[in-house]
């Protein structure tokens, strides 16, 4: 004759197995520790730093602005602490650098296009 505890033990065992399976899937989702953060770029002014951080955020690269609050409290301290520093994980450094360089190159291209337009407009007026 079976007692009522056998069914309970089986349910506990199954729930333990399910918990173990969930623990494995959660471990796969958790980011692994990758070492200390590395600096991608320094910024004297915060608006430029925020734009760069937003570029990395849109590419789903985790980033951090070190010394942001010091610079925000008194911008004269920016030179003292070396500006706001954009930090990323070591494994994201290459991609982050490439994205920020691409952004800087597109800004340079836009500036040269603006100069060309203003020169051509000036020649037409003469």
Protein backbone atom coordinates (compact mmCIF):
# COMPACT_ATOMS: atom_id res chain seq x y z
CA UNK A 1 0.00 0.00 0.00
CA UNK A 2 1.42 3.35 -1.10
CA UNK A 3 1.36 6.37 1.13
CA UNK A 4 0.58 9.90 -0.03
CA UNK A 5 4.21 11.04 0.23
CA UNK A 6 5.48 9.18 -2.85
CA UNK A 7 3.67 11.51 -5.24
CA UNK A 8 5.00 14.53 -3.38
CA UNK A 9 8.58 13.28 -3.66
CA UNK A 10 8.17 12.77 -7.40
CA UNK A 11 6.81 16.32 -7.84
CA UNK A 12 9.73 17.71 -5.82
CA UNK A 13 12.21 15.80 -7.95
CA UNK A 14 10.63 17.07 -11.18
CA UNK A 15 10.53 20.66 -9.95
CA UNK A 16 14.19 20.34 -8.91
CA UNK A 17 15.08 19.18 -12.41
CA UNK A 18 13.14 22.09 -13.92
CA UNK A 19 14.90 24.52 -11.60
CA UNK A 20 18.26 23.07 -12.64
CA UNK A 21 17.35 23.47 -16.32
CA UNK A 22 16.27 27.09 -15.73
CA UNK A 23 19.51 27.80 -13.84
CA UNK A 24 21.53 26.60 -16.85
CA UNK A 25 19.57 28.79 -19.28
CA UNK A 26 19.89 31.80 -16.96
CA UNK A 27 23.64 31.27 -16.73
CA UNK A 28 23.89 31.33 -20.52
CA UNK A 29 22.04 34.67 -20.61
CA UNK A 30 24.17 36.34 -17.94
CA UNK A 31 27.15 38.24 -19.33
CA UNK A 32 30.45 36.79 -18.29
CA UNK A 33 32.96 38.88 -16.39
CA UNK A 34 35.40 40.22 -18.95
CA UNK A 35 37.89 42.16 -16.92
CA UNK A 36 38.37 45.87 -16.24
CA UNK A 37 36.78 48.42 -18.55
CA UNK A 38 38.93 50.10 -21.18
CA UNK A 39 38.77 53.69 -22.37
CA UNK A 40 37.60 54.30 -25.92
CA UNK A 41 37.83 58.08 -25.98
CA UNK A 42 38.13 61.19 -23.77
CA UNK A 43 35.87 64.22 -24.02
CA UNK A 44 36.42 67.69 -22.63
CA UNK A 45 32.75 68.61 -23.00
CA UNK A 46 29.77 66.48 -21.97
CA UNK A 47 27.45 67.03 -24.95
CA UNK A 48 29.96 65.42 -27.29
CA UNK A 49 30.43 62.57 -24.81
CA UNK A 50 26.67 61.99 -24.63
CA UNK A 51 26.43 61.78 -28.42
CA UNK A 52 29.23 59.20 -28.53
CA UNK A 53 27.62 57.20 -25.74
CA UNK A 54 24.29 57.24 -27.56
CA UNK A 55 26.00 55.88 -30.69
CA UNK A 56 27.33 52.94 -28.69
CA UNK A 57 23.98 52.47 -26.92
CA UNK A 58 22.19 52.28 -30.26
CA UNK A 59 24.62 49.55 -31.33
CA UNK A 60 23.82 47.72 -28.05
CA UNK A 61 27.35 48.14 -26.72
CA UNK A 62 27.38 48.65 -22.96
CA UNK A 63 29.30 51.81 -22.10
CA UNK A 64 29.99 54.04 -19.12
CA UNK A 65 31.06 57.68 -18.84
CA UNK A 66 33.69 57.88 -16.12
CA UNK A 67 34.11 61.24 -14.32
CA UNK A 68 30.87 62.48 -15.87
CA UNK A 69 29.60 63.90 -12.57
CA UNK A 70 32.86 65.69 -11.76
CA UNK A 71 32.79 67.42 -15.14
CA UNK A 72 29.07 68.14 -14.78
CA UNK A 73 29.51 69.81 -11.36
CA UNK A 74 32.30 72.13 -12.53
CA UNK A 75 33.49 72.01 -16.12
CA UNK A 76 36.80 73.64 -15.12
CA UNK A 77 37.69 70.35 -13.45
CA UNK A 78 37.44 68.63 -16.83
CA UNK A 79 41.11 69.32 -17.60
CA UNK A 80 42.10 68.32 -14.09
CA UNK A 81 40.57 64.83 -14.28
CA UNK A 82 41.30 64.33 -17.97
CA UNK A 83 37.75 64.91 -19.16
CA UNK A 84 34.86 62.49 -19.28
CA UNK A 85 36.08 59.06 -20.34
CA UNK A 86 33.94 56.71 -22.42
CA UNK A 87 34.57 53.18 -21.13
CA UNK A 88 33.58 49.81 -22.66
CA UNK A 89 34.32 46.12 -22.13
CA UNK A 90 37.61 44.92 -23.63
CA UNK A 91 35.82 42.66 -26.12
CA UNK A 92 33.76 45.62 -27.40
CA UNK A 93 36.72 47.98 -27.86
CA UNK A 94 37.33 47.33 -31.57
CA UNK A 95 33.70 47.69 -32.59
CA UNK A 96 33.22 50.80 -30.42
CA UNK A 97 36.32 52.44 -31.89
CA UNK A 98 35.15 51.64 -35.41
CA UNK A 99 31.69 53.12 -34.76
CA UNK A 100 33.06 56.32 -33.23
CA UNK A 101 35.61 56.76 -36.03
CA UNK A 102 32.87 56.23 -38.60
CA UNK A 103 30.77 58.87 -36.87
CA UNK A 104 33.70 61.32 -36.82
CA UNK A 105 34.39 60.69 -40.52
CA UNK A 106 30.76 61.33 -41.44
CA UNK A 107 30.86 64.63 -39.52
CA UNK A 108 33.99 65.67 -41.43
CA UNK A 109 32.31 64.74 -44.71
CA UNK A 110 29.23 66.79 -43.81
CA UNK A 111 31.41 69.80 -42.96
CA UNK A 112 33.27 69.60 -46.28
CA UNK A 113 29.95 69.29 -48.14
CA UNK A 114 28.71 72.43 -46.36
CA UNK A 115 31.89 74.30 -47.37
CA UNK A 116 31.50 73.20 -51.00
CA UNK A 117 27.90 74.42 -51.03
CA UNK A 118 28.84 77.79 -49.54
CA UNK A 119 31.72 78.22 -52.03
CA UNK A 120 29.50 77.40 -54.99
CA UNK A 121 26.82 79.77 -53.70
CA UNK A 122 29.45 82.51 -53.33
CA UNK A 123 30.71 81.98 -56.89
CA UNK A 124 27.17 82.21 -58.27
CA UNK A 125 26.60 85.52 -56.55
CA UNK A 126 29.67 87.13 -58.17
